[in-house]
Amino acid sequence: MVVELPPGAYIGLINDHNQSWVLDMGITGPDGSKGGKPDYKGKMPKGYYVGKSATYKVLLAVRAAGWRRLG
């Protein structure tokens, strides 16, 4: 599966069919909400992150966060 998440205030995760953690996305992910690019076959270019699932079925959940700084 290929998921490209644009830069922004998103909170996301990928779990496998056994509800085991695979990868965080967005604010809590390795890209720090700067817009990560997913894995693909071949040499991995800069800016891509890999999440490997132990199952063929995965759960992808992404939510836009409308946070504002206070003060």
N, C-alpha and C. Protein backbone atom coordinates (compact mmCIF):
# COMPACT_ATOMS: atom_id res chain seq x y z
N MET A 1 0.85 -1.15 0.00
CA MET A 1 0.00 0.00 0.00
C MET A 1 0.90 1.22 0.00
N VAL A 2 0.54 2.21 -0.75
CA VAL A 2 1.28 3.46 -0.80
C VAL A 2 0.38 4.58 -0.29
N VAL A 3 0.88 5.31 0.71
CA VAL A 3 0.13 6.43 1.28
C VAL A 3 1.06 7.63 1.29
N GLU A 4 0.66 8.70 0.64
CA GLU A 4 1.44 9.94 0.68
C GLU A 4 0.61 10.97 1.43
N LEU A 5 1.15 11.43 2.54
CA LEU A 5 0.44 12.38 3.39
C LEU A 5 1.06 13.76 3.21
N PRO A 6 0.27 14.76 2.82
CA PRO A 6 0.82 16.09 2.60
C PRO A 6 1.24 16.74 3.92
N PRO A 7 2.06 17.78 3.86
CA PRO A 7 2.43 18.50 5.08
C PRO A 7 1.17 19.08 5.74
N GLY A 8 1.16 19.08 7.06
CA GLY A 8 0.01 19.64 7.77
C GLY A 8 -0.20 18.97 9.11
N ALA A 9 -1.19 19.45 9.82
CA ALA A 9 -1.49 18.95 11.17
C ALA A 9 -2.38 17.72 11.07
N TYR A 10 -1.78 16.57 10.86
CA TYR A 10 -2.48 15.30 10.78
C TYR A 10 -1.99 14.37 11.87
N ILE A 11 -2.87 13.51 12.33
CA ILE A 11 -2.51 12.44 13.25
C ILE A 11 -2.95 11.16 12.58
N GLY A 12 -2.04 10.21 12.42
CA GLY A 12 -2.39 8.98 11.74
C GLY A 12 -1.62 7.80 12.26
N LEU A 13 -2.13 6.61 11.94
CA LEU A 13 -1.46 5.39 12.33
C LEU A 13 -1.81 4.28 11.36
N ILE A 14 -0.96 3.27 11.36
CA ILE A 14 -1.24 2.05 10.62
C ILE A 14 -1.04 0.89 11.60
N ASN A 15 -2.05 0.05 11.74
CA ASN A 15 -1.98 -1.17 12.53
C ASN A 15 -2.23 -2.35 11.61
N ASP A 16 -1.68 -3.52 11.96
CA ASP A 16 -1.94 -4.70 11.14
C ASP A 16 -3.24 -5.38 11.58
N HIS A 17 -3.56 -6.50 10.95
CA HIS A 17 -4.82 -7.20 11.21
C HIS A 17 -4.92 -7.68 12.67
N ASN A 18 -3.80 -7.88 13.33
CA ASN A 18 -3.77 -8.31 14.73
C ASN A 18 -3.74 -7.14 15.70
N GLN A 19 -3.99 -5.95 15.20
CA GLN A 19 -3.98 -4.71 15.97
C GLN A 19 -2.60 -4.41 16.54
N SER A 20 -1.56 -4.85 15.84
CA SER A 20 -0.19 -4.53 16.22
C SER A 20 0.25 -3.27 15.48
N TRP A 21 1.01 -2.42 16.14
CA TRP A 21 1.48 -1.17 15.56
C TRP A 21 2.41 -1.43 14.38
N VAL A 22 2.24 -0.66 13.32
CA VAL A 22 3.11 -0.72 12.16
C VAL A 22 3.85 0.60 11.98
N LEU A 23 3.12 1.72 11.96
CA LEU A 23 3.74 3.01 11.70
C LEU A 23 2.84 4.15 12.15
N ASP A 24 3.44 5.19 12.72
CA ASP A 24 2.71 6.43 13.00
C ASP A 24 2.90 7.36 11.81
N MET A 25 1.93 8.24 11.60
CA MET A 25 2.00 9.19 10.49
C MET A 25 1.63 10.58 10.99
N GLY A 26 2.06 11.60 10.28
CA GLY A 26 1.70 12.96 10.63
C GLY A 26 2.52 13.50 11.78
N ILE A 27 1.88 14.18 12.73
CA ILE A 27 2.57 14.84 13.84
C ILE A 27 3.43 13.86 14.63
N THR A 28 2.93 12.66 14.89
CA THR A 28 3.66 11.68 15.69
C THR A 28 4.55 10.77 14.85
N GLY A 29 4.54 10.92 13.54
CA GLY A 29 5.31 10.06 12.66
C GLY A 29 6.75 10.51 12.49
N PRO A 30 7.53 9.72 11.76
CA PRO A 30 8.95 10.03 11.57
C PRO A 30 9.19 11.31 10.77
N ASP A 31 8.22 11.74 9.98
CA ASP A 31 8.39 12.97 9.19
C ASP A 31 8.03 14.23 9.98
N GLY A 32 7.45 14.06 11.18
CA GLY A 32 7.10 15.20 12.02
C GLY A 32 6.12 16.15 11.38
N SER A 33 5.19 15.61 10.58
CA SER A 33 4.14 16.39 9.92
C SER A 33 4.64 17.28 8.79
N LYS A 34 5.80 16.91 8.22
CA LYS A 34 6.35 17.68 7.11
C LYS A 34 6.00 17.10 5.74
N GLY A 35 5.23 16.01 5.74
CA GLY A 35 4.83 15.41 4.46
C GLY A 35 5.74 14.28 4.06
N GLY A 36 5.54 13.11 4.64
CA GLY A 36 6.37 11.95 4.33
C GLY A 36 5.92 11.26 3.07
N LYS A 37 6.83 10.52 2.47
CA LYS A 37 6.51 9.75 1.27
C LYS A 37 6.71 8.28 1.58
N PRO A 38 5.83 7.42 1.07
CA PRO A 38 5.83 6.01 1.45
C PRO A 38 6.88 5.17 0.73
N ASP A 39 6.92 3.90 1.11
CA ASP A 39 7.82 2.90 0.53
C ASP A 39 7.36 2.50 -0.87
N TYR A 40 8.29 2.06 -1.68
CA TYR A 40 7.95 1.46 -2.96
C TYR A 40 9.09 0.55 -3.36
N LYS A 41 8.89 -0.27 -4.38
CA LYS A 41 9.90 -1.22 -4.83
C LYS A 41 11.08 -0.48 -5.44
N GLY A 42 12.27 -1.00 -5.24
CA GLY A 42 13.46 -0.37 -5.79
C GLY A 42 14.22 0.41 -4.73
N LYS A 43 15.17 1.19 -5.16
CA LYS A 43 15.96 1.99 -4.24
C LYS A 43 15.08 3.08 -3.64
N MET A 44 15.12 3.20 -2.32
CA MET A 44 14.27 4.17 -1.64
C MET A 44 14.90 5.55 -1.68
N PRO A 45 14.21 6.52 -2.28
CA PRO A 45 14.75 7.88 -2.32
C PRO A 45 14.59 8.59 -0.98
N LYS A 46 15.26 9.69 -0.84
CA LYS A 46 15.20 10.49 0.38
C LYS A 46 13.77 10.95 0.64
N GLY A 47 13.36 10.93 1.92
CA GLY A 47 12.04 11.42 2.29
C GLY A 47 10.97 10.35 2.39
N TYR A 48 11.29 9.08 2.11
CA TYR A 48 10.32 8.00 2.19
C TYR A 48 10.52 7.22 3.48
N TYR A 49 9.42 6.71 4.06
CA TYR A 49 9.45 5.93 5.29
C TYR A 49 8.77 4.60 5.05
N VAL A 50 9.27 3.55 5.68
CA VAL A 50 8.77 2.20 5.45
C VAL A 50 8.09 1.67 6.71
N GLY A 51 6.92 1.10 6.54
CA GLY A 51 6.24 0.38 7.60
C GLY A 51 5.94 -1.02 7.08
N LYS A 52 6.38 -2.05 7.79
CA LYS A 52 6.19 -3.43 7.35
C LYS A 52 5.18 -4.11 8.24
N SER A 53 4.13 -4.65 7.63
CA SER A 53 3.08 -5.34 8.36
C SER A 53 3.31 -6.84 8.32
N ALA A 54 2.95 -7.52 9.41
CA ALA A 54 3.04 -8.98 9.47
C ALA A 54 1.84 -9.64 8.79
N THR A 55 0.82 -8.85 8.42
CA THR A 55 -0.39 -9.39 7.79
C THR A 55 -0.68 -8.62 6.49
N TYR A 56 -1.57 -9.17 5.68
CA TYR A 56 -1.95 -8.52 4.43
C TYR A 56 -3.04 -7.47 4.64
N LYS A 57 -3.77 -7.55 5.73
CA LYS A 57 -4.82 -6.58 6.04
C LYS A 57 -4.27 -5.58 7.05
N VAL A 58 -4.50 -4.30 6.78
CA VAL A 58 -4.05 -3.25 7.70
C VAL A 58 -5.17 -2.24 7.91
N LEU A 59 -5.07 -1.53 9.03
CA LEU A 59 -5.99 -0.45 9.33
C LEU A 59 -5.22 0.85 9.21
N LEU A 60 -5.72 1.76 8.41
CA LEU A 60 -5.13 3.08 8.24
C LEU A 60 -6.13 4.09 8.78
N ALA A 61 -5.70 4.91 9.72
CA ALA A 61 -6.57 5.94 10.29
C ALA A 61 -5.81 7.26 10.27
N VAL A 62 -6.43 8.29 9.70
CA VAL A 62 -5.81 9.61 9.63
C VAL A 62 -6.86 10.64 10.02
N ARG A 63 -6.44 11.61 10.82
CA ARG A 63 -7.36 12.66 11.24
C ARG A 63 -6.64 14.01 11.15
N ALA A 64 -7.33 14.99 10.63
CA ALA A 64 -6.79 16.35 10.59
C ALA A 64 -6.94 16.95 11.99
N ALA A 65 -5.89 17.57 12.48
CA ALA A 65 -5.91 18.17 13.81
C ALA A 65 -6.03 19.67 13.64
N GLY A 66 -7.04 20.25 14.24
CA GLY A 66 -7.28 21.68 14.12
C GLY A 66 -6.79 22.44 15.35
N TRP A 67 -5.57 22.13 15.77
CA TRP A 67 -5.03 22.76 16.96
C TRP A 67 -4.58 24.19 16.69
N ARG A 68 -4.71 25.01 17.71
CA ARG A 68 -4.21 26.37 17.64
C ARG A 68 -3.28 26.60 18.82
N ARG A 69 -2.29 27.42 18.61
CA ARG A 69 -1.41 27.78 19.72
C ARG A 69 -2.11 28.80 20.60
N LEU A 70 -2.02 28.61 21.88
CA LEU A 70 -2.62 29.55 22.82
C LEU A 70 -1.54 30.46 23.37
N GLY A 71 -1.90 31.73 23.51
CA GLY A 71 -0.96 32.66 24.14
C GLY A 71 -0.22 33.53 23.24
